C-alpha atoms as a PDB file:
ATOM      1  CA  MET A   1       4.440  20.496  -1.513  1.00  0.00           C
ATOM      2  CA  SER A   2       5.626  23.505  -2.279  1.00  0.00           C
ATOM      3  CA  MET A   3       5.106  26.750  -0.922  1.00  0.00           C
ATOM      4  CA  PRO A   4       1.513  27.973  -2.510  1.00  0.00           C
ATOM      5  CA  GLY A   5       0.395  25.078   0.186  1.00  0.00           C
ATOM      6  CA  ALA A   6       1.964  27.735   3.338  1.00  0.00           C
ATOM      7  CA  PHE A   7      -0.268  30.754   1.776  1.00  0.00           C
ATOM      8  CA  ARG A   8      -3.057  28.091   1.667  1.00  0.00           C
ATOM      9  CA  ALA A   9      -2.966  27.478   5.217  1.00  0.00           C
ATOM     10  CA  ALA A  10      -2.086  31.281   6.150  1.00  0.00           C
ATOM     11  CA  ARG A  11      -5.085  32.816   4.250  1.00  0.00           C
ATOM     12  CA  ASP A  12      -7.720  30.034   4.601  1.00  0.00           C
ATOM     13  CA  GLY A  13      -6.564  28.499   8.257  1.00  0.00           C
ATOM     14  CA  ASN A  14      -6.619  24.997   7.503  1.00  0.00           C
ATOM     15  CA  ALA A  15      -3.708  22.920   7.551  1.00  0.00           C
ATOM     16  CA  GLU A  16      -1.864  21.374   4.826  1.00  0.00           C
ATOM     17  CA  ARG A  17       0.489  18.530   4.973  1.00  0.00           C
ATOM     18  CA  GLY A  18       2.908  16.479   1.956  1.00  0.00           C
ATOM     19  CA  ARG A  19       5.799  14.224   1.455  1.00  0.00           C
ATOM     20  CA  ILE A  20       9.160  15.384   0.254  1.00  0.00           C
ATOM     21  CA  GLY A  21      11.368  13.263  -1.684  1.00  0.00           C
ATOM     22  CA  ASP A  22      12.240  10.957  -3.911  1.00  0.00           C
ATOM     23  CA  ALA A  23      13.358   7.740  -4.614  1.00  0.00           C
ATOM     24  CA  GLY A  24      16.195   8.214  -6.549  1.00  0.00           C
ATOM     25  CA  SER A  25      17.602  11.071  -4.568  1.00  0.00           C
ATOM     26  CA  ARG A  26      19.787  10.953  -2.039  1.00  0.00           C
ATOM     27  CA  ARG A  27      18.124  13.572  -0.294  1.00  0.00           C
ATOM     28  CA  PRO A  28      16.132  12.308   3.201  1.00  0.00           C
ATOM     29  CA  TRP A  29      12.536  12.395   2.869  1.00  0.00           C
ATOM     30  CA  CYS A  30      10.582  14.879   5.246  1.00  0.00           C
ATOM     31  CA  LEU A  31       6.996  14.926   5.960  1.00  0.00           C
ATOM     32  CA  LEU A  32       5.966  18.814   6.033  1.00  0.00           C
ATOM     33  CA  ARG A  33       3.261  19.848   7.531  1.00  0.00           C
ATOM     34  CA  ILE A  34       1.953  23.430   7.396  1.00  0.00           C
ATOM     35  CA  ARG A  35      -1.164  25.038  10.069  1.00  0.00           C
ATOM     36  CA  PRO A  36      -2.049  28.615  10.608  1.00  0.00           C
ATOM     37  CA  TYR A  37      -0.170  30.627  12.494  1.00  0.00           C
ATOM     38  CA  ARG A  38      -2.816  32.520  15.688  1.00  0.00           C
ATOM     39  CA  THR A  39      -2.436  34.776  16.977  1.00  0.00           C
ATOM     40  CA  ALA A  40      -3.846  35.239  21.126  1.00  0.00           C
ATOM     41  CA  ASP A  41      -7.167  37.154  20.024  1.00  0.00           C
ATOM     42  CA  ASN A  42      -7.434  34.169  16.697  1.00  0.00           C
ATOM     43  CA  ARG A  43      -5.960  36.504  13.555  1.00  0.00           C
ATOM     44  CA  ILE A  44      -3.841  34.370  11.611  1.00  0.00           C
ATOM     45  CA  GLU A  45      -0.757  35.807  10.733  1.00  0.00           C
ATOM     46  CA  GLY A  46       0.817  33.676   8.924  1.00  0.00           C
ATOM     47  CA  ALA A  47       2.204  30.029   8.879  1.00  0.00           C
ATOM     48  CA  VAL A  48       3.984  27.543  11.028  1.00  0.00           C
ATOM     49  CA  LEU A  49       5.957  24.577   8.426  1.00  0.00           C
ATOM     50  CA  THR A  50       7.096  21.831  10.305  1.00  0.00           C
ATOM     51  CA  LEU A  51       9.384  18.864   8.784  1.00  0.00           C
ATOM     52  CA  ILE A  52       9.166  15.428  10.313  1.00  0.00           C
ATOM     53  CA  ASP A  53      12.246  13.439   9.109  1.00  0.00           C
ATOM     54  CA  ILE A  54      10.408   9.530   7.722  1.00  0.00           C
ATOM     55  CA  ASP A  55      13.683   8.883   5.839  1.00  0.00           C
ATOM     56  CA  GLN A  56      13.642   5.699   6.808  1.00  0.00           C
ATOM     57  CA  ILE A  57      10.502   4.649   7.217  1.00  0.00           C
ATOM     58  CA  ARG A  58       9.910   5.833   3.747  1.00  0.00           C
ATOM     59  CA  ARG A  59      13.510   3.877   1.839  1.00  0.00           C
ATOM     60  CA  ALA A  60      11.984   0.477   4.364  1.00  0.00           C
ATOM     61  CA  GLN A  61       8.614   1.087   2.007  1.00  0.00           C
ATOM     62  CA  ILE A  62      10.073   1.309  -1.205  1.00  0.00           C
ATOM     63  CA  LYS A  63      12.405  -1.451  -0.465  1.00  0.00           C
ATOM     64  CA  ALA A  64       9.061  -3.732   0.458  1.00  0.00           C
ATOM     65  CA  ASP A  65       7.126  -2.540  -2.628  1.00  0.00           C
ATOM     66  CA  ALA A  66      10.241  -3.452  -4.733  1.00  0.00           C
ATOM     67  CA  ALA A  67      10.585  -6.285  -2.779  1.00  0.00           C
ATOM     68  CA  ARG A  68       6.553  -7.530  -3.181  1.00  0.00           C
ATOM     69  CA  GLU A  69       6.741  -6.511  -6.660  1.00  0.00           C
ATOM     70  CA  PHE A  70       9.425  -9.497  -7.564  1.00  0.00           C
ATOM     71  CA  ALA A  71       7.614 -11.881  -5.154  1.00  0.00           C
ATOM     72  CA  GLU A  72       4.974 -11.329  -7.553  1.00  0.00           C
ATOM     73  CA  SER A  73       6.413 -11.524 -10.701  1.00  0.00           C
ATOM     74  CA  VAL A  74       8.148 -14.809 -10.095  1.00  0.00           C
ATOM     75  CA  VAL A  75       4.935 -16.718  -8.927  1.00  0.00           C
ATOM     76  CA  GLU A  76       3.357 -14.926 -12.322  1.00  0.00           C
ATOM     77  CA  SER A  77       5.467 -16.358 -14.138  1.00  0.00           C
ATOM     78  CA  VAL A  78       5.493 -19.822 -12.863  1.00  0.00           C
ATOM     79  CA  GLN A  79       3.453 -22.111 -15.679  1.00  0.00           C
ATOM     80  CA  THR A  80       2.402 -24.332 -13.154  1.00  0.00           C
ATOM     81  CA  PRO A  81      -1.103 -23.732 -11.419  1.00  0.00           C
ATOM     82  CA  LEU A  82       0.004 -21.909  -7.729  1.00  0.00           C
ATOM     83  CA  LEU A  83      -2.455 -20.220  -5.398  1.00  0.00           C
ATOM     84  CA  LEU A  84      -1.042 -18.309  -2.437  1.00  0.00           C
ATOM     85  CA  LEU A  85      -2.663 -18.851   0.921  1.00  0.00           C
ATOM     86  CA  GLY A  86      -2.147 -17.138   3.789  1.00  0.00           C
ATOM     87  CA  SER A  87      -2.076 -18.556   7.239  1.00  0.00           C
ATOM     88  CA  ASP A  88      -5.830 -18.034   7.979  1.00  0.00           C
ATOM     89  CA  LEU A  89      -6.552 -20.417   4.641  1.00  0.00           C
ATOM     90  CA  ARG A  90      -6.915 -17.184   2.963  1.00  0.00           C
ATOM     91  CA  ILE A  91      -6.074 -16.981  -1.012  1.00  0.00           C
ATOM     92  CA  ARG A  92      -3.528 -14.400  -1.379  1.00  0.00           C
ATOM     93  CA  MET A  93      -2.550 -14.605  -4.728  1.00  0.00           C
ATOM     94  CA  ALA A  94      -3.034 -16.733  -7.918  1.00  0.00           C
ATOM     95  CA  ASN A  95      -1.097 -17.197 -11.000  1.00  0.00           C
ATOM     96  CA  ARG A  96      -2.576 -16.405 -14.571  1.00  0.00           C
ATOM     97  CA  ALA A  97      -2.121 -20.808 -15.040  1.00  0.00           C
ATOM     98  CA  PHE A  98      -4.178 -21.217 -12.245  1.00  0.00           C
ATOM     99  CA  CYS A  99      -7.457 -19.088 -13.354  1.00  0.00           C
ATOM    100  CA  GLN A 100      -6.695 -21.262 -16.833  1.00  0.00           C
ATOM    101  CA  SER A 101      -6.647 -24.512 -15.845  1.00  0.00           C
ATOM    102  CA  TYR A 102      -9.642 -24.270 -13.530  1.00  0.00           C
ATOM    103  CA  GLY A 103     -11.595 -21.193 -15.574  1.00  0.00           C
ATOM    104  CA  LEU A 104     -12.207 -19.549 -12.326  1.00  0.00           C
ATOM    105  CA  GLN A 105     -11.041 -14.907 -12.181  1.00  0.00           C
ATOM    106  CA  LYS A 106      -9.500 -13.773  -9.928  1.00  0.00           C
ATOM    107  CA  ALA A 107     -11.963 -11.560  -8.832  1.00  0.00           C
ATOM    108  CA  GLU A 108     -14.102 -15.005  -7.635  1.00  0.00           C
ATOM    109  CA  PHE A 109     -11.850 -15.967  -5.058  1.00  0.00           C
ATOM    110  CA  GLU A 110      -8.576 -13.930  -4.033  1.00  0.00           C
ATOM    111  CA  ASN A 111      -9.550 -12.885  -0.473  1.00  0.00           C
ATOM    112  CA  ARG A 112     -12.319 -15.360   0.026  1.00  0.00           C
ATOM    113  CA  PHE A 113     -11.386 -18.899   1.729  1.00  0.00           C
ATOM    114  CA  PHE A 114      -9.497 -21.804  -0.038  1.00  0.00           C
ATOM    115  CA  HIS A 115     -12.900 -24.121   0.913  1.00  0.00           C
ATOM    116  CA  GLU A 116     -15.285 -21.823  -0.514  1.00  0.00           C
ATOM    117  CA  ILE A 117     -14.408 -22.286  -3.750  1.00  0.00           C
ATOM    118  CA  GLY A 118     -15.302 -24.764  -6.455  1.00  0.00           C
ATOM    119  CA  GLY A 119     -18.271 -25.158  -4.905  1.00  0.00           C
ATOM    120  CA  GLY A 120     -16.882 -26.666  -1.887  1.00  0.00           C
ATOM    121  CA  TRP A 121     -14.743 -29.802  -3.529  1.00  0.00           C
ATOM    122  CA  TRP A 122     -11.393 -27.885  -1.892  1.00  0.00           C
ATOM    123  CA  THR A 123     -13.106 -28.878   1.457  1.00  0.00           C
ATOM    124  CA  CYS A 124     -10.616 -30.913   4.222  1.00  0.00           C
ATOM    125  CA  ARG A 125     -11.955 -34.029   2.595  1.00  0.00           C
ATOM    126  CA  ASN A 126     -10.702 -33.474  -0.577  1.00  0.00           C
ATOM    127  CA  SER A 127      -7.512 -31.647   0.355  1.00  0.00           C
ATOM    128  CA  GLU A 128      -5.514 -33.439   3.094  1.00  0.00           C
ATOM    129  CA  LEU A 129      -2.312 -32.591   2.160  1.00  0.00           C
ATOM    130  CA  LEU A 130      -2.633 -29.371   3.076  1.00  0.00           C
END
């Protein structure tokens, strides 16, 4: 966010917000909020800028995103059909080998219950090893 955001807030009376920071930078991440400054008689006389330190949260989010992307690339690189299920037995992810082996598209099964795919073939009696 740049100074034009402050000018817009002062001119239009609308709040502005944005993040300041860079993943490769040593500067801390901040959340910038800009609100119009109103006088007692409700006239806009300027802008109030507030900086909130979100550095630890943002850097943790960047690390978590990188770890997730790495895990997804590992799953995708496995040549054996692989299906990742959540604790509720919903399909979270499948690799390319799974899709090719069973002739399915990811849109057909992602976030659906495991037993719902394949015309019910994967019901509890057929998947006792789960």
